[in-house]
Amino acid sequence: MARKPKAESADRTEICKNCKHSLFLRESIECRRYPPQVIYEGSTGFVEHRFPETSADSFCGEFAPILTS
């Protein structure tokens, strides 16, 4: 007897938009899971520290749900 196909969820919950490490800015989302990355511009000698930007639909192995309390 054939098995019934598994229904896939249309709304994925383990994405950056639902992660507690995400900080929503005006135009983008920053991942605050790890310390900022150092960006060095060799031609000008400019050093900047930034959190990586991500999109709301991205996901990774470090997902943690937003806890409501």
C-alpha atoms as a PDB file:
ATOM      1  CA  MET A   1       0.000   0.000   0.000  1.00  0.00           C
ATOM      2  CA  ALA A   2       1.360   3.429  -0.956  1.00  0.00           C
ATOM      3  CA  ARG A   3       2.152   5.919   1.778  1.00  0.00           C
ATOM      4  CA  LYS A   4       0.464   9.259   1.951  1.00  0.00           C
ATOM      5  CA  PRO A   5       2.876  12.071   0.915  1.00  0.00           C
ATOM      6  CA  LYS A   6       4.144  14.210   3.750  1.00  0.00           C
ATOM      7  CA  ALA A   7       2.571  17.681   3.797  1.00  0.00           C
ATOM      8  CA  GLU A   8       5.213  20.395   3.770  1.00  0.00           C
ATOM      9  CA  SER A   9       4.749  23.513   5.841  1.00  0.00           C
ATOM     10  CA  ALA A  10       4.379  26.636   3.714  1.00  0.00           C
ATOM     11  CA  ASP A  11       5.668  28.897   6.497  1.00  0.00           C
ATOM     12  CA  ARG A  12       9.178  27.956   7.610  1.00  0.00           C
ATOM     13  CA  THR A  13       9.758  28.964  11.234  1.00  0.00           C
ATOM     14  CA  GLU A  14      13.533  28.465  11.512  1.00  0.00           C
ATOM     15  CA  ILE A  15      14.465  31.602   9.557  1.00  0.00           C
ATOM     16  CA  CYS A  16      16.275  34.798  10.553  1.00  0.00           C
ATOM     17  CA  LYS A  17      13.015  36.720  10.831  1.00  0.00           C
ATOM     18  CA  ASN A  18      12.026  34.444  13.776  1.00  0.00           C
ATOM     19  CA  CYS A  19      15.470  34.196  15.428  1.00  0.00           C
ATOM     20  CA  LYS A  20      16.359  35.862  18.719  1.00  0.00           C
ATOM     21  CA  HIS A  21      19.854  36.776  17.446  1.00  0.00           C
ATOM     22  CA  SER A  22      18.467  39.021  14.685  1.00  0.00           C
ATOM     23  CA  LEU A  23      18.387  42.779  15.095  1.00  0.00           C
ATOM     24  CA  PHE A  24      15.990  44.526  12.710  1.00  0.00           C
ATOM     25  CA  LEU A  25      17.261  47.784  11.276  1.00  0.00           C
ATOM     26  CA  ARG A  26      15.442  50.097   8.877  1.00  0.00           C
ATOM     27  CA  GLU A  27      16.486  48.351   5.665  1.00  0.00           C
ATOM     28  CA  SER A  28      18.213  45.148   6.777  1.00  0.00           C
ATOM     29  CA  ILE A  29      18.701  42.570   9.519  1.00  0.00           C
ATOM     30  CA  GLU A  30      21.943  42.032  11.451  1.00  0.00           C
ATOM     31  CA  CYS A  31      22.879  38.662  12.913  1.00  0.00           C
ATOM     32  CA  ARG A  32      24.097  39.235  16.478  1.00  0.00           C
ATOM     33  CA  ARG A  33      24.921  35.591  17.243  1.00  0.00           C
ATOM     34  CA  TYR A  34      28.698  36.202  17.198  1.00  0.00           C
ATOM     35  CA  PRO A  35      30.869  39.311  17.784  1.00  0.00           C
ATOM     36  CA  PRO A  36      31.228  41.833  14.956  1.00  0.00           C
ATOM     37  CA  GLN A  37      33.537  41.018  12.059  1.00  0.00           C
ATOM     38  CA  VAL A  38      36.550  43.206  11.349  1.00  0.00           C
ATOM     39  CA  ILE A  39      36.505  44.748   7.873  1.00  0.00           C
ATOM     40  CA  TYR A  40      39.854  46.183   6.739  1.00  0.00           C
ATOM     41  CA  GLU A  41      40.139  48.366   3.651  1.00  0.00           C
ATOM     42  CA  GLY A  42      43.793  48.025   2.616  1.00  0.00           C
ATOM     43  CA  SER A  43      43.957  50.947   0.203  1.00  0.00           C
ATOM     44  CA  THR A  44      42.742  53.530   2.739  1.00  0.00           C
ATOM     45  CA  GLY A  45      43.737  51.814   6.004  1.00  0.00           C
ATOM     46  CA  PHE A  46      40.141  52.088   7.238  1.00  0.00           C
ATOM     47  CA  VAL A  47      39.065  49.506   9.840  1.00  0.00           C
ATOM     48  CA  GLU A  48      35.399  48.884  10.603  1.00  0.00           C
ATOM     49  CA  HIS A  49      33.602  46.439  12.909  1.00  0.00           C
ATOM     50  CA  ARG A  50      30.261  45.161  11.621  1.00  0.00           C
ATOM     51  CA  PHE A  51      27.747  42.444  12.346  1.00  0.00           C
ATOM     52  CA  PRO A  52      26.949  40.395   9.243  1.00  0.00           C
ATOM     53  CA  GLU A  53      23.803  41.432   7.379  1.00  0.00           C
ATOM     54  CA  THR A  54      21.237  38.823   6.430  1.00  0.00           C
ATOM     55  CA  SER A  55      17.824  38.581   4.832  1.00  0.00           C
ATOM     56  CA  ALA A  56      14.619  37.642   6.645  1.00  0.00           C
ATOM     57  CA  ASP A  57      14.338  34.361   4.711  1.00  0.00           C
ATOM     58  CA  SER A  58      17.865  33.120   5.506  1.00  0.00           C
ATOM     59  CA  PHE A  59      18.556  30.320   7.946  1.00  0.00           C
ATOM     60  CA  CYS A  60      21.561  28.666   9.593  1.00  0.00           C
ATOM     61  CA  GLY A  61      22.455  26.039  12.180  1.00  0.00           C
ATOM     62  CA  GLU A  62      22.532  28.642  14.973  1.00  0.00           C
ATOM     63  CA  PHE A  63      18.796  29.389  14.962  1.00  0.00           C
ATOM     64  CA  ALA A  64      17.224  30.125  18.364  1.00  0.00           C
ATOM     65  CA  PRO A  65      13.521  30.974  18.643  1.00  0.00           C
ATOM     66  CA  ILE A  66      12.366  34.305  20.073  1.00  0.00           C
ATOM     67  CA  LEU A  67      11.164  33.602  23.604  1.00  0.00           C
ATOM     68  CA  THR A  68       8.119  35.450  24.853  1.00  0.00           C
ATOM     69  CA  SER A  69       7.990  35.988  28.579  1.00  0.00           C
END
